[in-house]
Amino acid sequence: MTVPVLLYLEEFFPDPRRDTGSHRVCCLLSLFREKGWRIVLGVQQKGVEDTEDFQKQFGVEALLQGMTEASLREYCEQASGLRLVWSARPEGTSTFLPVLREVVPHVPVVYDTIDLHHIREYRHARYLKNGGLLHKSLQRKQQECALANAVEHVVLVSDHEKDVLQQLVPSAHLSTVAWSQELYENIPGWDSRSGLLFVGGFFNGASANAESMRWFLDKVWPLIQQKNSELCLWVVGGDVPAWLQGRASDQVQILGRVMDLQAMMDRVRVSVAPLQIGAGIKGKIIESWAMGVPVVATSIAAEGFPEAGTLAMKVQDDPQEFADAVLELHDQEKAWTQMSGAGQEVVRRYFSREVLSAQLDALLASCNYEGCDG
């Protein structure tokens, strides 16, 4: 029996140390490998070096860098055993889909939205009061709806966004394929911790994380400092913009990328997710829960999580109420302990490897494949 080949198309080479979205990609690749697929990873990024360990760890047999329409055509014309194309993000999928339909029309295409970009871009436009960005968000909405009609299957990271797209494109075949996060053990207790943590990279602009930190530092942090001037905030994430680096102080530690996120999580009491724009499901919240750290989030950051997630985070959009929620959770051991345990339970029930594997199996079955037996 021929082993099926998966062609996984992404814009950037996955790096879990850079962004949580890469963590999801790695989880999916490893599950495909477990299910008996051979994996070819095609990325538009060029010049990626030292990929051998990554390829071995996640079962990537071939890495195609600098992917273009021409190089995709060349690969597909020579490919043997290609059974499924998984294409992430709307721009790349729009670029590559015509080539796939021409050269390998029999191969199903799964479009992975990552998040509904038009929602994120619409919120950004409204936040900045920018008419040009608003127009682009409407164009993106048309693009995403057209893709949903054009491919065999669409993947979304939450049931919430699945429902949104289903209303826009009733005929589309949609599935939720969310996230997998390992649970951490030996979680330090409340009394050995102090301070707050923000996790979010600023790679490739990452305006959502930048705007969230600007809002938090301008509007929430002064309110927290009024009541507890000794409280510290640690900011973790690579490619820190110059303006944010300039806000560093004794109480605001801008750490950049760290190699051991768990060590940081083990020292703080509260993880903050003050997003003002964005879409999809937030990996930073799932990571915090998995490591036993309760979360204070805005409604945008909390969007898409199951109802049980409300037991593991406080959701506030007003700066004063956000600050009060942070201080309450930071200073009350009983509330902290309850929410710490609740967060781990949410990860166990909704974001385990077993749950993600079952979601992937259901999708493959809908494409008439079940591992390598199809």
Protein backbone atom coordinates (compact mmCIF):
# COMPACT_ATOMS: atom_id res chain seq x y z
CA MET A 1 0.00 0.00 0.00
CA THR A 2 1.32 3.41 -0.96
CA VAL A 3 1.95 5.67 2.02
CA PRO A 4 -0.06 8.87 1.54
CA VAL A 5 1.77 12.16 1.20
CA LEU A 6 0.65 15.40 2.84
CA LEU A 7 1.79 18.70 1.35
CA TYR A 8 1.59 21.31 4.11
CA LEU A 9 1.83 24.90 2.86
CA GLU A 10 2.70 27.76 5.21
CA GLU A 11 4.03 31.27 4.89
CA PHE A 12 6.81 30.94 7.45
CA PHE A 13 8.88 28.06 8.75
CA PRO A 14 7.31 27.02 12.07
CA ASP A 15 9.23 28.10 15.17
CA PRO A 16 7.40 27.38 18.45
CA ARG A 17 9.82 29.69 20.29
CA ARG A 18 8.64 32.58 18.09
CA ASP A 19 4.86 32.28 18.22
CA THR A 20 2.18 29.99 19.57
CA GLY A 21 0.71 29.46 16.11
CA SER A 22 3.87 27.55 15.21
CA HIS A 23 3.22 25.28 18.17
CA ARG A 24 -0.11 24.29 16.62
CA VAL A 25 1.57 23.56 13.27
CA CYS A 26 4.07 21.29 14.99
CA CYS A 27 1.29 19.44 16.81
CA LEU A 28 -0.53 18.84 13.54
CA LEU A 29 2.61 17.66 11.74
CA SER A 30 3.44 15.18 14.48
CA LEU A 31 -0.12 13.82 14.46
CA PHE A 32 -0.03 13.34 10.70
CA ARG A 33 3.21 11.44 11.12
CA GLU A 34 1.65 9.22 13.81
CA LYS A 35 -1.27 8.50 11.50
CA GLY A 36 1.07 7.17 8.84
CA TRP A 37 1.47 10.12 6.50
CA ARG A 38 4.63 11.25 4.78
CA ILE A 39 5.01 15.01 5.14
CA VAL A 40 6.33 17.60 2.71
CA LEU A 41 6.47 21.12 4.14
CA GLY A 42 6.42 24.03 1.73
CA VAL A 43 7.09 27.54 3.05
CA GLN A 44 7.27 30.86 1.25
CA GLN A 45 10.06 31.99 3.57
CA LYS A 46 13.60 31.72 2.21
CA GLY A 47 16.96 31.14 3.85
CA VAL A 48 15.85 28.93 6.74
CA GLU A 49 18.88 27.11 8.12
CA ASP A 50 19.53 24.25 10.54
CA THR A 51 16.22 22.50 9.92
CA GLU A 52 17.43 18.92 10.29
CA ASP A 53 16.42 18.50 13.93
CA PHE A 54 13.00 20.00 13.28
CA GLN A 55 12.39 17.74 10.30
CA LYS A 56 13.42 14.67 12.24
CA GLN A 57 11.33 15.59 15.28
CA PHE A 58 8.14 16.25 13.33
CA GLY A 59 8.54 13.77 10.51
CA VAL A 60 9.07 16.26 7.68
CA GLU A 61 10.68 14.28 4.88
CA ALA A 62 11.21 17.26 2.58
CA LEU A 63 11.32 21.01 3.13
CA LEU A 64 10.58 23.24 0.16
CA GLN A 65 11.70 26.82 0.87
CA GLY A 66 10.86 29.94 -1.09
CA MET A 67 7.68 28.35 -2.39
CA THR A 68 6.27 30.09 -5.46
CA GLU A 69 3.63 29.18 -7.99
CA ALA A 70 6.38 27.91 -10.29
CA SER A 71 8.09 25.77 -7.66
CA LEU A 72 4.74 24.39 -6.48
CA ARG A 73 3.90 23.44 -10.05
CA GLU A 74 7.26 21.69 -10.43
CA TYR A 75 6.78 19.74 -7.21
CA CYS A 76 3.21 18.68 -8.01
CA GLU A 77 4.11 17.53 -11.53
CA GLN A 78 6.69 15.14 -10.05
CA ALA A 79 4.95 14.21 -6.78
CA SER A 80 4.10 10.61 -6.11
CA GLY A 81 1.46 9.58 -3.58
CA LEU A 82 0.16 13.09 -2.92
CA ARG A 83 -3.19 12.63 -1.22
CA LEU A 84 -3.89 15.89 0.62
CA VAL A 85 -2.85 19.54 0.55
CA TRP A 86 -3.16 21.54 3.77
CA SER A 87 -2.82 25.24 3.01
CA ALA A 88 -2.66 27.85 5.75
CA ARG A 89 -3.83 31.47 5.55
CA PRO A 90 -5.86 33.17 2.84
CA GLU A 91 -3.16 34.94 0.83
CA GLY A 92 -1.02 31.88 0.24
CA THR A 93 -4.03 29.68 -0.41
CA SER A 94 -5.42 32.15 -2.95
CA THR A 95 -2.05 32.21 -4.71
CA PHE A 96 -1.50 28.46 -4.82
CA LEU A 97 -5.02 27.09 -5.30
CA PRO A 98 -5.16 27.73 -9.09
CA VAL A 99 -1.92 25.77 -9.55
CA LEU A 100 -3.20 22.90 -7.43
CA ARG A 101 -6.47 22.74 -9.36
CA GLU A 102 -4.62 22.68 -12.67
CA VAL A 103 -1.86 20.19 -11.87
CA VAL A 104 -3.39 17.92 -9.20
CA PRO A 105 -7.15 18.47 -9.50
CA HIS A 106 -7.90 15.10 -7.86
CA VAL A 107 -6.13 16.05 -4.59
CA PRO A 108 -8.38 17.56 -1.90
CA VAL A 109 -7.33 20.93 -0.48
CA VAL A 110 -7.87 21.83 3.17
CA TYR A 111 -7.77 25.56 3.82
CA ASP A 112 -6.64 26.34 7.39
CA THR A 113 -7.78 29.84 8.24
CA ILE A 114 -5.56 30.07 11.38
CA ASP A 115 -8.07 32.75 12.31
CA LEU A 116 -10.69 34.60 10.31
CA HIS A 117 -8.45 37.34 9.02
CA HIS A 118 -11.28 39.63 8.00
CA ILE A 119 -12.50 39.81 11.61
CA ARG A 120 -9.02 40.65 12.88
CA GLU A 121 -8.48 43.25 10.16
CA TYR A 122 -11.93 44.79 10.68
CA ARG A 123 -11.25 45.20 14.38
CA HIS A 124 -7.87 46.72 13.65
CA ALA A 125 -9.42 49.20 11.24
CA ARG A 126 -12.06 50.24 13.78
CA TYR A 127 -9.48 50.50 16.55
CA LEU A 128 -7.35 52.84 14.45
CA LYS A 129 -10.36 54.54 12.81
CA ASN A 130 -8.73 53.85 9.44
CA GLY A 131 -11.03 53.79 6.42
CA GLY A 132 -8.40 52.27 4.17
CA LEU A 133 -7.91 49.30 6.49
CA LEU A 134 -11.67 48.93 6.79
CA HIS A 135 -11.96 48.60 3.02
CA LYS A 136 -9.19 46.00 3.00
CA SER A 137 -10.99 44.00 5.70
CA LEU A 138 -14.09 43.84 3.50
CA GLN A 139 -11.97 42.64 0.59
CA ARG A 140 -10.46 40.01 2.87
CA LYS A 141 -13.94 38.86 3.85
CA GLN A 142 -14.80 38.33 0.19
CA GLN A 143 -11.53 36.45 -0.30
CA GLU A 144 -12.09 34.14 2.66
CA CYS A 145 -15.66 33.40 1.63
CA ALA A 146 -14.55 32.62 -1.92
CA LEU A 147 -11.89 30.23 -0.63
CA ALA A 148 -14.40 28.48 1.61
CA ASN A 149 -16.51 27.81 -1.49
CA ALA A 150 -13.54 26.72 -3.59
CA VAL A 151 -11.84 24.09 -1.41
CA GLU A 152 -12.96 20.68 -0.20
CA HIS A 153 -12.69 21.57 3.47
CA VAL A 154 -12.05 24.55 5.73
CA VAL A 155 -10.42 24.31 9.15
CA LEU A 156 -11.08 26.80 11.93
CA VAL A 157 -9.58 26.92 15.40
CA SER A 158 -12.81 27.43 17.35
CA ASP A 159 -16.47 26.50 17.12
CA HIS A 160 -17.23 30.22 17.37
CA GLU A 161 -15.41 31.06 14.13
CA LYS A 162 -16.81 27.93 12.53
CA ASP A 163 -20.32 29.23 13.23
CA VAL A 164 -19.41 32.67 11.87
CA LEU A 165 -18.09 31.29 8.58
CA GLN A 166 -20.93 28.78 8.24
CA GLN A 167 -23.41 31.65 8.33
CA LEU A 168 -21.44 33.47 5.64
CA VAL A 169 -20.94 30.38 3.45
CA PRO A 170 -23.67 27.83 4.25
CA SER A 171 -22.46 25.36 1.61
CA ALA A 172 -18.88 25.17 2.91
CA HIS A 173 -17.55 22.05 4.61
CA LEU A 174 -16.09 23.22 7.91
CA SER A 175 -14.32 21.57 10.84
CA THR A 176 -12.86 22.75 14.12
CA VAL A 177 -9.26 21.63 14.52
CA ALA A 178 -8.07 23.57 17.50
CA TRP A 179 -5.01 23.10 19.64
CA SER A 180 -2.95 20.66 21.66
CA GLN A 181 -1.10 21.66 24.79
CA GLU A 182 0.81 19.47 27.21
CA LEU A 183 -0.23 19.80 30.84
CA TYR A 184 2.52 20.67 33.29
CA GLU A 185 2.90 19.03 36.68
CA ASN A 186 4.37 20.16 40.01
CA ILE A 187 2.80 23.60 39.70
CA PRO A 188 4.19 25.98 42.37
CA GLY A 189 1.61 27.37 44.77
CA TRP A 190 0.32 30.91 45.15
CA ASP A 191 2.64 31.86 48.03
CA SER A 192 5.83 31.23 46.02
CA ARG A 193 4.77 33.54 43.21
CA SER A 194 4.38 37.23 42.51
CA GLY A 195 3.80 39.54 39.58
CA LEU A 196 2.25 39.49 36.14
CA LEU A 197 3.25 38.07 32.77
CA PHE A 198 2.40 38.99 29.21
CA VAL A 199 3.35 36.47 26.51
CA GLY A 200 3.21 37.47 22.87
CA GLY A 201 5.70 37.76 20.06
CA PHE A 202 6.00 40.79 17.81
CA PHE A 203 7.24 38.86 14.79
CA ASN A 204 6.34 40.34 11.40
CA GLY A 205 4.66 43.36 12.97
CA ALA A 206 2.21 41.43 15.19
CA SER A 207 0.07 44.51 15.64
CA ALA A 208 -2.40 42.75 17.94
CA ASN A 209 0.24 42.13 20.60
CA ALA A 210 1.76 45.58 20.16
CA GLU A 211 -1.58 47.37 20.51
CA SER A 212 -2.55 45.22 23.49
CA MET A 213 0.62 46.18 25.35
CA ARG A 214 0.18 49.83 24.45
CA TRP A 215 -3.36 49.79 25.89
CA PHE A 216 -2.29 47.89 28.99
CA LEU A 217 0.70 50.09 29.78
CA ASP A 218 -1.13 53.35 29.04
CA LYS A 219 -4.48 52.65 30.67
CA VAL A 220 -4.30 49.67 33.03
CA TRP A 221 -0.78 49.57 34.44
CA PRO A 222 -0.97 53.05 36.08
CA LEU A 223 -4.15 51.95 37.91
CA ILE A 224 -2.41 48.81 39.17
CA GLN A 225 0.63 50.80 40.25
CA GLN A 226 -1.55 53.18 42.26
CA LYS A 227 -2.56 50.30 44.52
CA ASN A 228 0.62 48.22 44.41
CA SER A 229 3.71 50.10 43.27
CA GLU A 230 5.97 47.09 43.91
CA LEU A 231 4.17 44.74 41.53
CA CYS A 232 6.25 43.66 38.52
CA LEU A 233 5.23 42.93 34.95
CA TRP A 234 7.32 40.69 32.74
CA VAL A 235 6.87 40.90 28.96
CA VAL A 236 8.00 37.83 27.01
CA GLY A 237 8.14 37.69 23.23
CA GLY A 238 10.64 38.17 20.44
CA ASP A 239 11.12 41.05 18.00
CA VAL A 240 10.21 43.68 20.59
CA PRO A 241 9.49 47.07 18.95
CA ALA A 242 11.65 50.03 19.99
CA TRP A 243 8.77 51.94 21.60
CA LEU A 244 8.00 49.01 23.91
CA GLN A 245 11.66 48.53 24.81
CA GLY A 246 11.62 52.18 25.77
CA ARG A 247 8.90 51.52 28.36
CA ALA A 248 11.15 49.17 30.34
CA SER A 249 11.70 49.97 34.01
CA ASP A 250 12.36 48.23 37.30
CA GLN A 251 8.69 47.24 37.43
CA VAL A 252 8.26 46.55 33.71
CA GLN A 253 10.79 43.97 32.56
CA ILE A 254 10.98 43.55 28.77
CA LEU A 255 12.64 40.15 28.41
CA GLY A 256 12.24 39.45 24.70
CA ARG A 257 12.33 35.82 23.66
CA VAL A 258 13.04 33.35 26.48
CA MET A 259 14.13 29.75 26.14
CA ASP A 260 12.25 28.47 29.18
CA LEU A 261 8.72 29.85 29.33
CA GLN A 262 7.74 27.48 32.10
CA ALA A 263 10.34 29.03 34.42
CA MET A 264 8.65 32.40 33.91
CA MET A 265 5.17 30.97 34.38
CA ASP A 266 6.27 29.32 37.62
CA ARG A 267 7.20 32.66 39.16
CA VAL A 268 4.11 34.76 38.36
CA ARG A 269 0.56 34.71 39.68
CA VAL A 270 -1.38 36.20 36.76
CA SER A 271 -1.11 36.06 32.99
CA VAL A 272 -2.62 39.08 31.22
CA ALA A 273 -4.16 38.97 27.74
CA PRO A 274 -5.31 42.55 27.10
CA LEU A 275 -5.96 42.20 23.37
CA GLN A 276 -7.76 45.07 21.68
CA ILE A 277 -7.75 43.51 18.21
CA GLY A 278 -7.37 39.99 16.93
CA ALA A 279 -9.33 36.86 16.11
CA GLY A 280 -9.06 33.12 16.49
CA ILE A 281 -8.14 31.35 19.68
CA LYS A 282 -5.27 32.61 21.80
CA GLY A 283 -2.45 30.16 22.38
CA LYS A 284 -1.00 32.35 25.13
CA ILE A 285 -4.11 31.66 27.23
CA ILE A 286 -3.96 27.90 26.68
CA GLU A 287 -0.27 27.89 27.59
CA SER A 288 -0.97 29.82 30.77
CA TRP A 289 -3.72 27.43 31.81
CA ALA A 290 -1.55 24.39 31.06
CA MET A 291 1.11 25.78 33.39
CA GLY A 292 -1.37 26.55 36.14
CA VAL A 293 -1.47 30.34 35.75
CA PRO A 294 -4.89 32.03 35.80
CA VAL A 295 -5.65 34.68 33.20
CA VAL A 296 -7.19 38.14 33.07
CA ALA A 297 -8.31 38.85 29.53
CA THR A 298 -10.35 41.19 27.39
CA SER A 299 -13.42 39.82 25.65
CA ILE A 300 -11.52 39.66 22.35
CA ALA A 301 -8.79 37.56 23.95
CA ALA A 302 -11.39 35.30 25.56
CA GLU A 303 -13.34 34.79 22.34
CA GLY A 304 -13.74 31.24 21.06
CA PHE A 305 -13.04 29.37 24.27
CA PRO A 306 -15.55 26.88 25.68
CA GLU A 307 -17.86 28.05 28.44
CA ALA A 308 -15.75 26.18 30.98
CA GLY A 309 -12.98 28.69 30.26
CA THR A 310 -14.88 31.32 32.23
CA LEU A 311 -13.95 29.42 35.39
CA ALA A 312 -10.26 29.88 34.59
CA MET A 313 -10.09 33.54 33.65
CA LYS A 314 -11.57 36.91 34.45
CA VAL A 315 -12.83 38.87 31.45
CA GLN A 316 -12.89 42.67 31.54
CA ASP A 317 -12.69 45.38 28.89
CA ASP A 318 -12.78 48.51 31.03
CA PRO A 319 -9.29 49.57 32.21
CA GLN A 320 -10.32 50.06 35.84
CA GLU A 321 -12.20 46.76 35.96
CA PHE A 322 -9.29 45.00 34.26
CA ALA A 323 -6.88 46.42 36.86
CA ASP A 324 -9.19 45.45 39.72
CA ALA A 325 -9.50 41.90 38.37
CA VAL A 326 -5.72 41.57 38.13
CA LEU A 327 -5.20 42.76 41.71
CA GLU A 328 -8.00 40.60 43.09
CA LEU A 329 -6.66 37.47 41.43
CA HIS A 330 -3.09 38.33 42.38
CA ASP A 331 -3.86 38.94 46.05
CA GLN A 332 -6.47 36.28 46.89
CA GLU A 333 -4.97 32.83 47.36
CA LYS A 334 -8.27 30.93 47.38
CA ALA A 335 -9.51 32.45 44.12
CA TRP A 336 -6.10 31.97 42.52
CA THR A 337 -5.93 28.30 43.52
CA GLN A 338 -9.42 27.56 42.22
CA MET A 339 -8.76 29.22 38.87
CA SER A 340 -5.36 27.60 38.51
CA GLY A 341 -6.95 24.17 38.77
CA ALA A 342 -9.84 25.15 36.52
CA GLY A 343 -7.46 26.22 33.78
CA GLN A 344 -5.69 22.89 33.75
CA GLU A 345 -9.05 21.12 33.59
CA VAL A 346 -10.06 23.16 30.53
CA VAL A 347 -6.84 22.13 28.79
CA ARG A 348 -7.39 18.50 29.75
CA ARG A 349 -10.98 18.45 28.41
CA TYR A 350 -10.67 20.59 25.30
CA PHE A 351 -7.04 21.05 24.27
CA SER A 352 -5.32 17.72 24.83
CA ARG A 353 -3.44 15.84 22.16
CA GLU A 354 -6.17 13.20 22.21
CA VAL A 355 -8.87 15.78 21.46
CA LEU A 356 -6.86 17.31 18.61
CA SER A 357 -6.19 13.84 17.20
CA ALA A 358 -9.91 13.04 17.21
CA GLN A 359 -10.69 16.33 15.47
CA LEU A 360 -8.11 15.54 12.80
CA ASP A 361 -9.48 12.01 12.36
CA ALA A 362 -12.96 13.40 11.80
CA LEU A 363 -11.66 15.80 9.17
CA LEU A 364 -9.69 13.08 7.36
CA ALA A 365 -12.73 10.81 7.37
CA SER A 366 -14.77 13.59 5.75
CA CYS A 367 -12.09 13.72 3.03
CA ASN A 368 -12.45 9.92 2.64
CA TYR A 369 -9.14 9.27 4.37
CA GLU A 370 -8.51 7.64 7.70
CA GLY A 371 -4.78 7.72 8.29
CA CYS A 372 -3.01 5.65 5.63
CA ASP A 373 -5.90 3.24 5.18
CA GLY A 374 -7.91 5.39 2.79
